[in-house]
Every structure is written in structure tokens, then in C-alpha cells.
Amino acid sequence: MIALIQRVSEANVTVDGVSTGAIGKGLVVLLGVEKGDTETHAAKLAHKVGGYRVFEDDAGKMNLNVSQASGELLVVSQFTLAANTTKGMRPSFSGASPQEAERLYEVFCQACRQTGFKTQTGQFGADMKVCLVNDGPVTFWLQV
């Protein structure tokens, strides 16, 4: 399971012009599910995302996690993160897990909420428009 996280000052996602989620300061989490991922992977990744220290403390060091920074999460499913791009000029999605992806996406979001993170979402499988202001820019690839 893959999470591409971006520290943002604000972000929102819309489907057909209707907002499905919006946050102020926080993290946009682009979530990719791969074959072999499990509920345990989803829970571990949610814990890692929530605890990852990417926000600045009073000394200007990245020492605060999203909760300590009074931030929120905006979780957006993104199957293209599971693409194999090592050969040719066209991505292969043989590593993606469409059968389990939606369920594990929901497990991940629920794990974030149960840990106490304010969590907004996109709409699984929809053609979404994601707008964000990347703060830094700060972007990390997390994988479990």
C-alpha cells in the first residue's frame, strides 16, 4: 500500500463540480492499493501517515505530525500509484488490486478517523478534480 502525502495549506476535491472533501492546513493523501495489501497494511499505513512529522515546530524543524499541527487529512484514492513504469512508454497496472482497493481504501480512512484524525475524502473510482496548495513544497512517498 502506498501513500503519497503532500503538506498543504488548503485542498479540496470535487466530482462533477460538487465538493466531496475540503481541508485547510493538513495533508493530502493520495492512496494506492497494490495486490497483496491487507487490512493490516491499511492500519499500519494510516498510523504512519498520521504520525509522520512533516510540520514545522517553533524552531522551524519538521518535528510535528498532522495532529500536533492541528491539521486535517484529505484522502484520495489513486490507482495510478500502483503502476509499473519500469518498461516501455506506457504504464502497466498489473500490480493494482481493483477487487480489494475500495474496501482497503475505506479501511484506511476508517483507521485514520479512529485514531482521531479529522479526515475528508474524495469519491472512490470517480473522475475527481483535486486542487491543493502544496506548502513547502513538501511531498513524501510512504509505503508499507
N, C-alpha and C. Protein backbone atom coordinates (compact mmCIF):
# COMPACT_ATOMS: atom_id res chain seq x y z
N MET A 1 0.86 -1.17 0.00
CA MET A 1 0.00 0.00 0.00
C MET A 1 0.89 1.22 0.00
N ILE A 2 0.50 2.20 -0.78
CA ILE A 2 1.30 3.40 -1.00
C ILE A 2 0.49 4.64 -0.62
N ALA A 3 1.16 5.57 0.07
CA ALA A 3 0.57 6.88 0.33
C ALA A 3 1.56 7.94 -0.12
N LEU A 4 1.15 8.74 -1.08
CA LEU A 4 1.92 9.91 -1.47
C LEU A 4 1.30 11.06 -0.70
N ILE A 5 2.05 11.61 0.27
CA ILE A 5 1.48 12.66 1.11
C ILE A 5 2.08 14.01 0.73
N GLN A 6 1.23 15.01 0.75
CA GLN A 6 1.65 16.37 0.45
C GLN A 6 1.16 17.29 1.55
N ARG A 7 2.10 18.03 2.13
CA ARG A 7 1.72 19.02 3.15
C ARG A 7 1.08 20.20 2.44
N VAL A 8 -0.10 20.60 2.87
CA VAL A 8 -0.85 21.65 2.19
C VAL A 8 -1.33 22.72 3.16
N SER A 9 -1.55 23.90 2.61
CA SER A 9 -2.20 24.96 3.39
C SER A 9 -3.71 24.91 3.18
N GLU A 10 -4.13 24.30 2.06
CA GLU A 10 -5.54 24.05 1.79
C GLU A 10 -5.67 23.10 0.63
N ALA A 11 -6.78 22.38 0.58
CA ALA A 11 -7.02 21.44 -0.52
C ALA A 11 -8.49 21.09 -0.58
N ASN A 12 -8.94 20.72 -1.77
CA ASN A 12 -10.31 20.24 -1.93
C ASN A 12 -10.39 19.30 -3.11
N VAL A 13 -11.42 18.48 -3.11
CA VAL A 13 -11.66 17.55 -4.21
C VAL A 13 -13.13 17.67 -4.61
N THR A 14 -13.36 17.68 -5.94
CA THR A 14 -14.72 17.76 -6.44
C THR A 14 -14.97 16.64 -7.44
N VAL A 15 -16.22 16.24 -7.54
CA VAL A 15 -16.68 15.28 -8.53
C VAL A 15 -17.87 15.93 -9.22
N ASP A 16 -17.78 16.08 -10.53
CA ASP A 16 -18.84 16.73 -11.30
C ASP A 16 -19.22 18.10 -10.73
N GLY A 17 -18.21 18.84 -10.29
CA GLY A 17 -18.42 20.18 -9.77
C GLY A 17 -18.92 20.25 -8.34
N VAL A 18 -19.11 19.10 -7.69
CA VAL A 18 -19.60 19.07 -6.32
C VAL A 18 -18.46 18.66 -5.38
N SER A 19 -18.25 19.43 -4.34
CA SER A 19 -17.18 19.14 -3.38
C SER A 19 -17.49 17.87 -2.59
N THR A 20 -16.52 16.96 -2.53
CA THR A 20 -16.68 15.76 -1.69
C THR A 20 -15.81 15.84 -0.45
N GLY A 21 -14.86 16.77 -0.43
CA GLY A 21 -14.00 16.94 0.72
C GLY A 21 -13.14 18.17 0.58
N ALA A 22 -12.90 18.84 1.70
CA ALA A 22 -12.06 20.04 1.69
C ALA A 22 -11.40 20.18 3.06
N ILE A 23 -10.15 20.62 3.05
CA ILE A 23 -9.43 20.85 4.31
C ILE A 23 -8.67 22.16 4.21
N GLY A 24 -8.30 22.66 5.37
CA GLY A 24 -7.35 23.77 5.45
C GLY A 24 -5.97 23.15 5.58
N LYS A 25 -5.23 23.58 6.56
CA LYS A 25 -3.89 23.05 6.81
C LYS A 25 -3.95 21.55 7.07
N GLY A 26 -3.04 20.81 6.43
CA GLY A 26 -3.02 19.37 6.66
C GLY A 26 -2.25 18.61 5.61
N LEU A 27 -2.69 17.38 5.36
CA LEU A 27 -2.05 16.50 4.40
C LEU A 27 -3.06 16.00 3.37
N VAL A 28 -2.69 16.09 2.11
CA VAL A 28 -3.41 15.37 1.07
C VAL A 28 -2.73 14.02 0.96
N VAL A 29 -3.53 12.96 1.05
CA VAL A 29 -3.02 11.60 0.98
C VAL A 29 -3.56 10.95 -0.28
N LEU A 30 -2.67 10.76 -1.26
CA LEU A 30 -3.04 10.02 -2.47
C LEU A 30 -2.73 8.56 -2.16
N LEU A 31 -3.75 7.71 -2.17
CA LEU A 31 -3.63 6.34 -1.68
C LEU A 31 -3.74 5.33 -2.81
N GLY A 32 -2.72 4.48 -2.93
CA GLY A 32 -2.71 3.42 -3.92
C GLY A 32 -2.69 2.06 -3.25
N VAL A 33 -3.55 1.17 -3.70
CA VAL A 33 -3.63 -0.19 -3.16
C VAL A 33 -3.04 -1.15 -4.19
N GLU A 34 -2.16 -2.04 -3.71
CA GLU A 34 -1.50 -3.00 -4.58
C GLU A 34 -1.95 -4.42 -4.25
N LYS A 35 -1.73 -5.34 -5.17
CA LYS A 35 -2.03 -6.75 -4.92
C LYS A 35 -1.28 -7.19 -3.68
N GLY A 36 -1.94 -7.96 -2.85
CA GLY A 36 -1.33 -8.47 -1.64
C GLY A 36 -1.53 -7.58 -0.43
N ASP A 37 -2.05 -6.37 -0.62
CA ASP A 37 -2.30 -5.49 0.52
C ASP A 37 -3.44 -6.05 1.37
N THR A 38 -3.38 -5.78 2.66
CA THR A 38 -4.35 -6.31 3.62
C THR A 38 -4.85 -5.19 4.54
N GLU A 39 -5.80 -5.54 5.38
CA GLU A 39 -6.28 -4.59 6.40
C GLU A 39 -5.14 -4.19 7.33
N THR A 40 -4.23 -5.10 7.61
CA THR A 40 -3.08 -4.79 8.46
C THR A 40 -2.22 -3.71 7.80
N HIS A 41 -2.00 -3.83 6.48
CA HIS A 41 -1.24 -2.80 5.76
C HIS A 41 -1.95 -1.45 5.87
N ALA A 42 -3.26 -1.45 5.70
CA ALA A 42 -4.03 -0.21 5.75
C ALA A 42 -3.91 0.45 7.12
N ALA A 43 -4.03 -0.34 8.18
CA ALA A 43 -3.92 0.20 9.54
C ALA A 43 -2.52 0.73 9.82
N LYS A 44 -1.49 -0.02 9.39
CA LYS A 44 -0.11 0.43 9.61
C LYS A 44 0.18 1.72 8.85
N LEU A 45 -0.30 1.80 7.61
CA LEU A 45 -0.05 2.99 6.82
C LEU A 45 -0.80 4.20 7.39
N ALA A 46 -2.01 3.99 7.86
CA ALA A 46 -2.77 5.08 8.48
C ALA A 46 -2.01 5.61 9.70
N HIS A 47 -1.47 4.70 10.50
CA HIS A 47 -0.69 5.09 11.67
C HIS A 47 0.55 5.87 11.26
N LYS A 48 1.21 5.41 10.22
CA LYS A 48 2.43 6.07 9.73
C LYS A 48 2.12 7.46 9.19
N VAL A 49 1.08 7.56 8.37
CA VAL A 49 0.70 8.86 7.81
C VAL A 49 0.38 9.85 8.93
N GLY A 50 -0.42 9.41 9.88
CA GLY A 50 -0.81 10.30 10.98
C GLY A 50 0.33 10.70 11.88
N GLY A 51 1.31 9.85 12.02
CA GLY A 51 2.42 10.12 12.91
C GLY A 51 3.63 10.75 12.24
N TYR A 52 3.62 10.81 10.91
CA TYR A 52 4.78 11.30 10.18
C TYR A 52 4.97 12.79 10.45
N ARG A 53 6.17 13.15 10.86
CA ARG A 53 6.44 14.52 11.32
C ARG A 53 6.93 15.38 10.14
N VAL A 54 6.01 16.11 9.55
CA VAL A 54 6.31 16.94 8.38
C VAL A 54 5.94 18.41 8.58
N PHE A 55 5.44 18.75 9.75
CA PHE A 55 5.07 20.13 10.03
C PHE A 55 6.12 20.75 10.95
N GLU A 56 6.36 22.04 10.74
CA GLU A 56 7.41 22.72 11.48
C GLU A 56 6.99 23.05 12.90
N ASP A 57 7.96 22.90 13.80
CA ASP A 57 7.78 23.33 15.19
C ASP A 57 8.21 24.79 15.31
N ASP A 58 8.27 25.31 16.54
CA ASP A 58 8.63 26.71 16.75
C ASP A 58 10.05 27.03 16.29
N ALA A 59 10.91 26.02 16.22
CA ALA A 59 12.29 26.22 15.79
C ALA A 59 12.44 26.07 14.27
N GLY A 60 11.34 25.82 13.55
CA GLY A 60 11.39 25.67 12.10
C GLY A 60 11.81 24.29 11.63
N LYS A 61 11.83 23.31 12.52
CA LYS A 61 12.22 21.93 12.18
C LYS A 61 10.95 21.10 11.96
N MET A 62 11.03 20.13 11.05
CA MET A 62 9.89 19.24 10.81
C MET A 62 9.82 18.24 11.97
N ASN A 63 9.12 18.62 13.02
CA ASN A 63 9.01 17.78 14.22
C ASN A 63 7.58 17.50 14.64
N LEU A 64 6.59 18.03 13.92
CA LEU A 64 5.20 17.86 14.31
C LEU A 64 4.44 17.02 13.31
N ASN A 65 3.57 16.15 13.82
CA ASN A 65 2.70 15.40 12.92
C ASN A 65 1.44 16.21 12.65
N VAL A 66 0.55 15.69 11.84
CA VAL A 66 -0.63 16.44 11.42
C VAL A 66 -1.53 16.81 12.60
N SER A 67 -1.66 15.93 13.56
CA SER A 67 -2.49 16.22 14.72
C SER A 67 -1.87 17.31 15.58
N GLN A 68 -0.57 17.20 15.82
CA GLN A 68 0.13 18.21 16.63
C GLN A 68 0.10 19.58 15.97
N ALA A 69 -0.01 19.61 14.66
CA ALA A 69 -0.07 20.86 13.91
C ALA A 69 -1.51 21.34 13.72
N SER A 70 -2.47 20.67 14.36
CA SER A 70 -3.91 21.00 14.23
C SER A 70 -4.36 20.95 12.77
N GLY A 71 -3.86 19.93 12.06
CA GLY A 71 -4.21 19.77 10.66
C GLY A 71 -5.23 18.67 10.43
N GLU A 72 -5.59 18.51 9.17
CA GLU A 72 -6.57 17.52 8.75
C GLU A 72 -6.00 16.67 7.63
N LEU A 73 -6.71 15.60 7.29
CA LEU A 73 -6.33 14.73 6.18
C LEU A 73 -7.39 14.81 5.09
N LEU A 74 -6.94 14.80 3.84
CA LEU A 74 -7.83 14.64 2.70
C LEU A 74 -7.31 13.43 1.93
N VAL A 75 -8.05 12.33 2.00
CA VAL A 75 -7.61 11.06 1.41
C VAL A 75 -8.30 10.87 0.07
N VAL A 76 -7.47 10.64 -0.97
CA VAL A 76 -7.96 10.49 -2.34
C VAL A 76 -7.40 9.18 -2.91
N SER A 77 -8.28 8.32 -3.38
CA SER A 77 -7.81 7.07 -3.99
C SER A 77 -7.12 7.39 -5.31
N GLN A 78 -5.99 6.71 -5.56
CA GLN A 78 -5.26 6.93 -6.80
C GLN A 78 -4.58 5.64 -7.24
N PHE A 79 -5.28 4.89 -8.09
CA PHE A 79 -4.77 3.59 -8.52
C PHE A 79 -3.49 3.70 -9.34
N THR A 80 -3.22 4.87 -9.93
CA THR A 80 -2.03 5.01 -10.76
C THR A 80 -0.74 4.91 -9.95
N LEU A 81 -0.81 5.05 -8.63
CA LEU A 81 0.38 4.87 -7.80
C LEU A 81 0.89 3.44 -7.85
N ALA A 82 0.03 2.51 -8.18
CA ALA A 82 0.42 1.09 -8.26
C ALA A 82 0.98 0.72 -9.63
N ALA A 83 1.14 1.68 -10.50
CA ALA A 83 1.61 1.40 -11.85
C ALA A 83 3.07 0.96 -11.86
N ASN A 84 3.36 0.05 -12.79
CA ASN A 84 4.74 -0.34 -13.06
C ASN A 84 5.19 0.50 -14.25
N THR A 85 6.22 1.31 -14.03
CA THR A 85 6.70 2.21 -15.08
C THR A 85 8.13 1.88 -15.52
N THR A 86 8.57 0.66 -15.21
CA THR A 86 9.97 0.30 -15.50
C THR A 86 10.23 -0.04 -16.96
N LYS A 87 9.21 -0.42 -17.70
CA LYS A 87 9.41 -0.82 -19.09
C LYS A 87 8.51 0.01 -20.01
N GLY A 88 9.05 0.34 -21.16
CA GLY A 88 8.26 0.97 -22.21
C GLY A 88 7.83 2.38 -21.89
N MET A 89 6.86 2.84 -22.67
CA MET A 89 6.36 4.21 -22.57
C MET A 89 4.90 4.26 -22.14
N ARG A 90 4.40 3.14 -21.65
CA ARG A 90 3.01 3.07 -21.18
C ARG A 90 2.99 2.34 -19.86
N PRO A 91 2.33 2.89 -18.84
CA PRO A 91 2.32 2.22 -17.54
C PRO A 91 1.52 0.92 -17.57
N SER A 92 1.96 -0.03 -16.75
CA SER A 92 1.23 -1.28 -16.57
C SER A 92 0.57 -1.23 -15.20
N PHE A 93 -0.67 -1.65 -15.14
CA PHE A 93 -1.39 -1.64 -13.88
C PHE A 93 -1.61 -3.05 -13.34
N SER A 94 -0.74 -3.96 -13.73
CA SER A 94 -0.87 -5.35 -13.28
C SER A 94 -0.67 -5.49 -11.77
N GLY A 95 -0.03 -4.50 -11.14
CA GLY A 95 0.18 -4.55 -9.69
C GLY A 95 -0.96 -3.97 -8.89
N ALA A 96 -1.93 -3.37 -9.56
CA ALA A 96 -3.07 -2.79 -8.86
C ALA A 96 -4.03 -3.90 -8.42
N SER A 97 -4.84 -3.59 -7.44
CA SER A 97 -5.78 -4.58 -6.90
C SER A 97 -7.19 -4.03 -6.90
N PRO A 98 -7.85 -3.99 -8.08
CA PRO A 98 -9.17 -3.38 -8.14
C PRO A 98 -10.22 -4.11 -7.30
N GLN A 99 -10.05 -5.41 -7.10
CA GLN A 99 -11.04 -6.17 -6.33
C GLN A 99 -11.04 -5.76 -4.85
N GLU A 100 -9.88 -5.45 -4.32
CA GLU A 100 -9.76 -5.12 -2.90
C GLU A 100 -9.61 -3.63 -2.64
N ALA A 101 -9.34 -2.85 -3.67
CA ALA A 101 -8.94 -1.46 -3.48
C ALA A 101 -9.97 -0.62 -2.74
N GLU A 102 -11.23 -0.70 -3.12
CA GLU A 102 -12.24 0.15 -2.48
C GLU A 102 -12.40 -0.22 -1.01
N ARG A 103 -12.45 -1.50 -0.71
CA ARG A 103 -12.59 -1.93 0.69
C ARG A 103 -11.40 -1.47 1.53
N LEU A 104 -10.19 -1.64 1.00
CA LEU A 104 -9.00 -1.25 1.76
C LEU A 104 -8.85 0.27 1.86
N TYR A 105 -9.33 0.98 0.86
CA TYR A 105 -9.39 2.44 0.93
C TYR A 105 -10.28 2.85 2.10
N GLU A 106 -11.44 2.24 2.21
CA GLU A 106 -12.36 2.54 3.32
C GLU A 106 -11.76 2.14 4.67
N VAL A 107 -11.06 1.01 4.71
CA VAL A 107 -10.39 0.57 5.95
C VAL A 107 -9.35 1.62 6.36
N PHE A 108 -8.57 2.10 5.39
CA PHE A 108 -7.56 3.12 5.67
C PHE A 108 -8.22 4.38 6.23
N CYS A 109 -9.27 4.87 5.58
CA CYS A 109 -9.95 6.09 6.02
C CYS A 109 -10.53 5.91 7.42
N GLN A 110 -11.13 4.76 7.67
CA GLN A 110 -11.70 4.49 8.99
C GLN A 110 -10.61 4.43 10.05
N ALA A 111 -9.45 3.83 9.72
CA ALA A 111 -8.33 3.78 10.67
C ALA A 111 -7.84 5.19 10.99
N CYS A 112 -7.82 6.06 10.02
CA CYS A 112 -7.43 7.45 10.26
C CYS A 112 -8.41 8.12 11.21
N ARG A 113 -9.70 7.92 10.98
CA ARG A 113 -10.72 8.54 11.83
C ARG A 113 -10.68 7.98 13.25
N GLN A 114 -10.49 6.67 13.37
CA GLN A 114 -10.46 6.03 14.69
C GLN A 114 -9.26 6.49 15.50
N THR A 115 -8.20 6.90 14.82
CA THR A 115 -7.02 7.40 15.50
C THR A 115 -7.21 8.85 15.92
N GLY A 116 -8.29 9.45 15.50
CA GLY A 116 -8.62 10.81 15.91
C GLY A 116 -8.28 11.89 14.90
N PHE A 117 -7.88 11.50 13.69
CA PHE A 117 -7.56 12.48 12.68
C PHE A 117 -8.83 12.94 11.97
N LYS A 118 -8.98 14.25 11.83
CA LYS A 118 -10.08 14.79 11.04
C LYS A 118 -9.81 14.41 9.60
N THR A 119 -10.71 13.63 9.01
CA THR A 119 -10.45 13.04 7.70
C THR A 119 -11.59 13.31 6.73
N GLN A 120 -11.24 13.93 5.61
CA GLN A 120 -12.16 14.14 4.49
C GLN A 120 -11.72 13.20 3.37
N THR A 121 -12.60 12.96 2.42
CA THR A 121 -12.25 12.03 1.34
C THR A 121 -12.72 12.53 -0.02
N GLY A 122 -12.15 11.89 -1.03
CA GLY A 122 -12.67 12.02 -2.38
C GLY A 122 -13.76 10.99 -2.56
N GLN A 123 -14.03 10.60 -3.80
CA GLN A 123 -15.03 9.57 -4.08
C GLN A 123 -14.32 8.46 -4.85
N PHE A 124 -14.27 7.28 -4.26
CA PHE A 124 -13.54 6.17 -4.85
C PHE A 124 -14.01 5.89 -6.28
N GLY A 125 -13.06 5.76 -7.19
CA GLY A 125 -13.34 5.38 -8.56
C GLY A 125 -13.89 6.49 -9.44
N ALA A 126 -14.11 7.66 -8.88
CA ALA A 126 -14.68 8.76 -9.66
C ALA A 126 -13.59 9.54 -10.38
N ASP A 127 -13.99 10.30 -11.38
CA ASP A 127 -13.09 11.24 -12.04
C ASP A 127 -13.10 12.49 -11.17
N MET A 128 -12.06 12.66 -10.37
CA MET A 128 -12.00 13.74 -9.38
C MET A 128 -11.10 14.86 -9.85
N LYS A 129 -11.40 16.04 -9.40
CA LYS A 129 -10.55 17.22 -9.58
C LYS A 129 -10.02 17.58 -8.21
N VAL A 130 -8.71 17.51 -8.06
CA VAL A 130 -8.07 17.79 -6.78
C VAL A 130 -7.31 19.10 -6.90
N CYS A 131 -7.64 20.04 -6.05
CA CYS A 131 -6.94 21.32 -6.00
C CYS A 131 -6.23 21.42 -4.66
N LEU A 132 -4.97 21.82 -4.71
CA LEU A 132 -4.23 21.93 -3.46
C LEU A 132 -3.17 22.99 -3.57
N VAL A 133 -2.82 23.53 -2.40
CA VAL A 133 -1.69 24.44 -2.30
C VAL A 133 -0.65 23.70 -1.47
N ASN A 134 0.37 23.16 -2.18
CA ASN A 134 1.43 22.40 -1.53
C ASN A 134 2.28 23.38 -0.75
N ASP A 135 2.40 23.14 0.54
CA ASP A 135 3.13 24.02 1.45
C ASP A 135 4.58 23.55 1.56
N GLY A 136 5.47 24.27 0.95
CA GLY A 136 6.89 23.93 1.03
C GLY A 136 7.61 24.09 -0.30
N PRO A 137 7.43 23.27 -1.26
CA PRO A 137 6.59 22.07 -1.28
C PRO A 137 7.20 20.94 -0.44
N VAL A 138 6.31 20.20 0.20
CA VAL A 138 6.72 19.05 1.00
C VAL A 138 5.88 17.86 0.53
N THR A 139 6.56 16.85 -0.02
CA THR A 139 5.90 15.66 -0.54
C THR A 139 6.73 14.44 -0.19
N PHE A 140 6.07 13.39 0.35
CA PHE A 140 6.77 12.16 0.72
C PHE A 140 5.99 10.94 0.19
N TRP A 141 6.74 9.90 -0.18
CA TRP A 141 6.20 8.62 -0.61
C TRP A 141 6.34 7.67 0.57
N LEU A 142 5.23 7.19 1.10
CA LEU A 142 5.25 6.24 2.21
C LEU A 142 4.69 4.90 1.72
N GLN A 143 5.31 3.83 2.17
CA GLN A 143 4.87 2.51 1.72
C GLN A 143 5.04 1.51 2.86
N VAL A 144 4.07 0.61 2.99
CA VAL A 144 4.17 -0.49 3.96
C VAL A 144 3.91 -1.79 3.24
